[in-house]
């Protein structure tokens, strides 16, 4: 495989809970692993409403972007897994606050369940100035 693979990890987002890293950068593209709404200190928010969980998962995504030298405007593709499609409108409002005018490609995928009983998980791809 051409190019270096850089593993991205930060204490500003929830630590990886298994055999993976928070993100990987390769040839100018940042691949962010699925972010559950686990706080940076490791505490869980499974008992919180969907809106709180969504904000925590997005906070984790934003922290990883920052540490990797990216901005929200560098996001290329975001995949959001939600337990219950009825949460889509609330997520869309919260997401718009985080991204402003930037509109990357996105999929919202309804799923029956997520790890620990969470209601949302977010993964993403981001470019950099050198890839645009």
C-alpha atoms as a PDB file:
ATOM      1  CA  UNK A   1       0.000   0.000   0.000  1.00  0.00           C
ATOM      2  CA  UNK A   2       1.487   3.342  -1.033  1.00  0.00           C
ATOM      3  CA  UNK A   3       1.951   5.972   1.657  1.00  0.00           C
ATOM      4  CA  UNK A   4       2.183   5.974   5.404  1.00  0.00           C
ATOM      5  CA  UNK A   5      -0.740   5.084   7.635  1.00  0.00           C
ATOM      6  CA  UNK A   6      -0.993   7.395  10.619  1.00  0.00           C
ATOM      7  CA  UNK A   7      -3.031   6.294  13.619  1.00  0.00           C
ATOM      8  CA  UNK A   8      -4.939   9.163  15.237  1.00  0.00           C
ATOM      9  CA  UNK A   9      -5.752   9.028  18.931  1.00  0.00           C
ATOM     10  CA  UNK A  10      -6.761  11.707  21.406  1.00  0.00           C
ATOM     11  CA  UNK A  11      -7.898  11.920  25.009  1.00  0.00           C
ATOM     12  CA  UNK A  12     -10.323  14.652  23.877  1.00  0.00           C
ATOM     13  CA  UNK A  13     -12.692  11.919  22.611  1.00  0.00           C
ATOM     14  CA  UNK A  14     -13.773   8.558  23.953  1.00  0.00           C
ATOM     15  CA  UNK A  15     -10.977   5.992  23.825  1.00  0.00           C
ATOM     16  CA  UNK A  16     -11.299   3.110  21.398  1.00  0.00           C
ATOM     17  CA  UNK A  17     -13.101   0.289  23.162  1.00  0.00           C
ATOM     18  CA  UNK A  18     -11.672  -2.596  21.158  1.00  0.00           C
ATOM     19  CA  UNK A  19      -9.019  -3.564  18.652  1.00  0.00           C
ATOM     20  CA  UNK A  20      -9.169  -0.375  16.571  1.00  0.00           C
ATOM     21  CA  UNK A  21      -8.049   3.250  16.674  1.00  0.00           C
ATOM     22  CA  UNK A  22     -10.168   6.407  16.790  1.00  0.00           C
ATOM     23  CA  UNK A  23      -9.088   7.322  13.261  1.00  0.00           C
ATOM     24  CA  UNK A  24      -6.570   6.536  10.547  1.00  0.00           C
ATOM     25  CA  UNK A  25      -5.073   8.997   8.089  1.00  0.00           C
ATOM     26  CA  UNK A  26      -3.823   7.715   4.740  1.00  0.00           C
ATOM     27  CA  UNK A  27      -2.953   9.666   1.607  1.00  0.00           C
ATOM     28  CA  UNK A  28      -4.770  12.781   2.801  1.00  0.00           C
ATOM     29  CA  UNK A  29      -7.976  11.031   3.823  1.00  0.00           C
ATOM     30  CA  UNK A  30      -9.015  10.678   7.459  1.00  0.00           C
ATOM     31  CA  UNK A  31     -11.128   7.618   8.290  1.00  0.00           C
ATOM     32  CA  UNK A  32     -12.908   8.142  11.614  1.00  0.00           C
ATOM     33  CA  UNK A  33     -14.103   5.010  13.416  1.00  0.00           C
ATOM     34  CA  UNK A  34     -17.663   4.826  14.681  1.00  0.00           C
ATOM     35  CA  UNK A  35     -18.149   7.206  17.593  1.00  0.00           C
ATOM     36  CA  UNK A  36     -20.646   6.234  20.244  1.00  0.00           C
ATOM     37  CA  UNK A  37     -21.853   8.828  22.758  1.00  0.00           C
ATOM     38  CA  UNK A  38     -19.227   7.866  25.331  1.00  0.00           C
ATOM     39  CA  UNK A  39     -17.728  10.965  26.938  1.00  0.00           C
ATOM     40  CA  UNK A  40     -14.006  11.690  26.644  1.00  0.00           C
ATOM     41  CA  UNK A  41     -13.553  10.690  30.303  1.00  0.00           C
ATOM     42  CA  UNK A  42     -15.048   7.269  29.500  1.00  0.00           C
ATOM     43  CA  UNK A  43     -18.367   7.851  31.239  1.00  0.00           C
ATOM     44  CA  UNK A  44     -21.453   6.551  29.493  1.00  0.00           C
ATOM     45  CA  UNK A  45     -24.513   8.533  28.440  1.00  0.00           C
ATOM     46  CA  UNK A  46     -26.806   5.643  27.561  1.00  0.00           C
ATOM     47  CA  UNK A  47     -29.343   6.952  30.101  1.00  0.00           C
ATOM     48  CA  UNK A  48     -29.483  10.376  28.408  1.00  0.00           C
ATOM     49  CA  UNK A  49     -32.011  11.516  25.782  1.00  0.00           C
ATOM     50  CA  UNK A  50     -31.187  11.100  22.094  1.00  0.00           C
ATOM     51  CA  UNK A  51     -30.260  14.769  21.658  1.00  0.00           C
ATOM     52  CA  UNK A  52     -27.607  14.568  24.392  1.00  0.00           C
ATOM     53  CA  UNK A  53     -26.228  11.333  22.959  1.00  0.00           C
ATOM     54  CA  UNK A  54     -26.053  12.864  19.463  1.00  0.00           C
ATOM     55  CA  UNK A  55     -24.162  15.914  20.753  1.00  0.00           C
ATOM     56  CA  UNK A  56     -21.628  13.742  22.605  1.00  0.00           C
ATOM     57  CA  UNK A  57     -21.018  11.560  19.531  1.00  0.00           C
ATOM     58  CA  UNK A  58     -20.562  14.712  17.405  1.00  0.00           C
ATOM     59  CA  UNK A  59     -18.245  16.214  20.052  1.00  0.00           C
ATOM     60  CA  UNK A  60     -16.097  13.074  19.766  1.00  0.00           C
ATOM     61  CA  UNK A  61     -16.042  13.385  15.974  1.00  0.00           C
ATOM     62  CA  UNK A  62     -15.091  17.085  16.152  1.00  0.00           C
ATOM     63  CA  UNK A  63     -12.288  16.397  18.673  1.00  0.00           C
ATOM     64  CA  UNK A  64     -10.800  13.724  16.420  1.00  0.00           C
ATOM     65  CA  UNK A  65     -10.990  16.055  13.417  1.00  0.00           C
ATOM     66  CA  UNK A  66      -9.159  18.798  15.376  1.00  0.00           C
ATOM     67  CA  UNK A  67      -6.374  16.498  16.561  1.00  0.00           C
ATOM     68  CA  UNK A  68      -5.926  15.252  12.990  1.00  0.00           C
ATOM     69  CA  UNK A  69      -5.616  18.843  11.754  1.00  0.00           C
ATOM     70  CA  UNK A  70      -8.994  18.818  10.015  1.00  0.00           C
ATOM     71  CA  UNK A  71     -12.056  21.041  10.247  1.00  0.00           C
ATOM     72  CA  UNK A  72     -15.743  20.161   9.976  1.00  0.00           C
ATOM     73  CA  UNK A  73     -15.608  21.650   6.465  1.00  0.00           C
ATOM     74  CA  UNK A  74     -13.138  18.874   5.536  1.00  0.00           C
ATOM     75  CA  UNK A  75     -15.791  16.183   6.063  1.00  0.00           C
ATOM     76  CA  UNK A  76     -16.469  14.278   2.853  1.00  0.00           C
ATOM     77  CA  UNK A  77     -18.896  11.568   4.014  1.00  0.00           C
ATOM     78  CA  UNK A  78     -20.698  10.906   7.281  1.00  0.00           C
ATOM     79  CA  UNK A  79     -22.584   7.730   8.155  1.00  0.00           C
ATOM     80  CA  UNK A  80     -24.959   7.887  11.095  1.00  0.00           C
ATOM     81  CA  UNK A  81     -26.517   4.807  12.657  1.00  0.00           C
ATOM     82  CA  UNK A  82     -29.657   5.535  14.693  1.00  0.00           C
ATOM     83  CA  UNK A  83     -31.877   3.280  16.733  1.00  0.00           C
ATOM     84  CA  UNK A  84     -35.273   4.511  15.624  1.00  0.00           C
ATOM     85  CA  UNK A  85     -35.674   6.570  12.459  1.00  0.00           C
ATOM     86  CA  UNK A  86     -37.948   8.891  14.446  1.00  0.00           C
ATOM     87  CA  UNK A  87     -34.694  10.442  15.748  1.00  0.00           C
ATOM     88  CA  UNK A  88     -33.715  11.597  12.250  1.00  0.00           C
ATOM     89  CA  UNK A  89     -35.262  15.125  12.479  1.00  0.00           C
ATOM     90  CA  UNK A  90     -33.625  15.812  15.862  1.00  0.00           C
ATOM     91  CA  UNK A  91     -30.297  14.557  14.579  1.00  0.00           C
ATOM     92  CA  UNK A  92     -30.548  16.683  11.449  1.00  0.00           C
ATOM     93  CA  UNK A  93     -31.079  19.849  13.557  1.00  0.00           C
ATOM     94  CA  UNK A  94     -28.128  19.083  15.857  1.00  0.00           C
ATOM     95  CA  UNK A  95     -25.894  18.078  12.927  1.00  0.00           C
ATOM     96  CA  UNK A  96     -26.686  21.357  11.114  1.00  0.00           C
ATOM     97  CA  UNK A  97     -25.565  23.319  14.201  1.00  0.00           C
ATOM     98  CA  UNK A  98     -22.194  21.536  14.144  1.00  0.00           C
ATOM     99  CA  UNK A  99     -21.617  21.776  10.382  1.00  0.00           C
ATOM    100  CA  UNK A 100     -23.180  25.127   9.521  1.00  0.00           C
ATOM    101  CA  UNK A 101     -23.291  25.620   5.752  1.00  0.00           C
ATOM    102  CA  UNK A 102     -21.059  22.610   4.996  1.00  0.00           C
ATOM    103  CA  UNK A 103     -23.024  19.662   3.627  1.00  0.00           C
ATOM    104  CA  UNK A 104     -20.927  16.519   3.148  1.00  0.00           C
ATOM    105  CA  UNK A 105     -22.403  13.355   1.674  1.00  0.00           C
ATOM    106  CA  UNK A 106     -24.330  11.550   4.400  1.00  0.00           C
ATOM    107  CA  UNK A 107     -26.321   8.437   5.133  1.00  0.00           C
ATOM    108  CA  UNK A 108     -28.622   7.980   8.133  1.00  0.00           C
ATOM    109  CA  UNK A 109     -29.104   4.268   8.691  1.00  0.00           C
ATOM    110  CA  UNK A 110     -31.811   2.979  11.041  1.00  0.00           C
ATOM    111  CA  UNK A 111     -30.604  -0.021  13.039  1.00  0.00           C
ATOM    112  CA  UNK A 112     -32.339  -2.230  15.612  1.00  0.00           C
ATOM    113  CA  UNK A 113     -29.669  -1.844  18.318  1.00  0.00           C
ATOM    114  CA  UNK A 114     -26.199  -0.474  19.062  1.00  0.00           C
ATOM    115  CA  UNK A 115     -23.512  -1.469  21.553  1.00  0.00           C
ATOM    116  CA  UNK A 116     -24.308  -0.756  25.247  1.00  0.00           C
ATOM    117  CA  UNK A 117     -27.869   0.262  24.276  1.00  0.00           C
ATOM    118  CA  UNK A 118     -26.848   3.581  22.688  1.00  0.00           C
ATOM    119  CA  UNK A 119     -29.160   5.339  20.239  1.00  0.00           C
ATOM    120  CA  UNK A 120     -26.536   6.721  17.817  1.00  0.00           C
ATOM    121  CA  UNK A 121     -23.107   5.998  16.318  1.00  0.00           C
ATOM    122  CA  UNK A 122     -21.280   8.216  13.801  1.00  0.00           C
ATOM    123  CA  UNK A 123     -18.406   7.402  11.438  1.00  0.00           C
ATOM    124  CA  UNK A 124     -16.864   9.734   8.885  1.00  0.00           C
ATOM    125  CA  UNK A 125     -14.364  10.373   6.119  1.00  0.00           C
ATOM    126  CA  UNK A 126     -12.566  13.706   5.885  1.00  0.00           C
ATOM    127  CA  UNK A 127     -10.170  15.095   3.336  1.00  0.00           C
ATOM    128  CA  UNK A 128      -7.606  17.795   3.755  1.00  0.00           C
ATOM    129  CA  UNK A 129      -6.561  20.862   1.802  1.00  0.00           C
ATOM    130  CA  UNK A 130      -4.141  18.673  -0.139  1.00  0.00           C
ATOM    131  CA  UNK A 131      -6.969  16.409  -1.336  1.00  0.00           C
ATOM    132  CA  UNK A 132      -9.424  19.095  -2.403  1.00  0.00           C
END
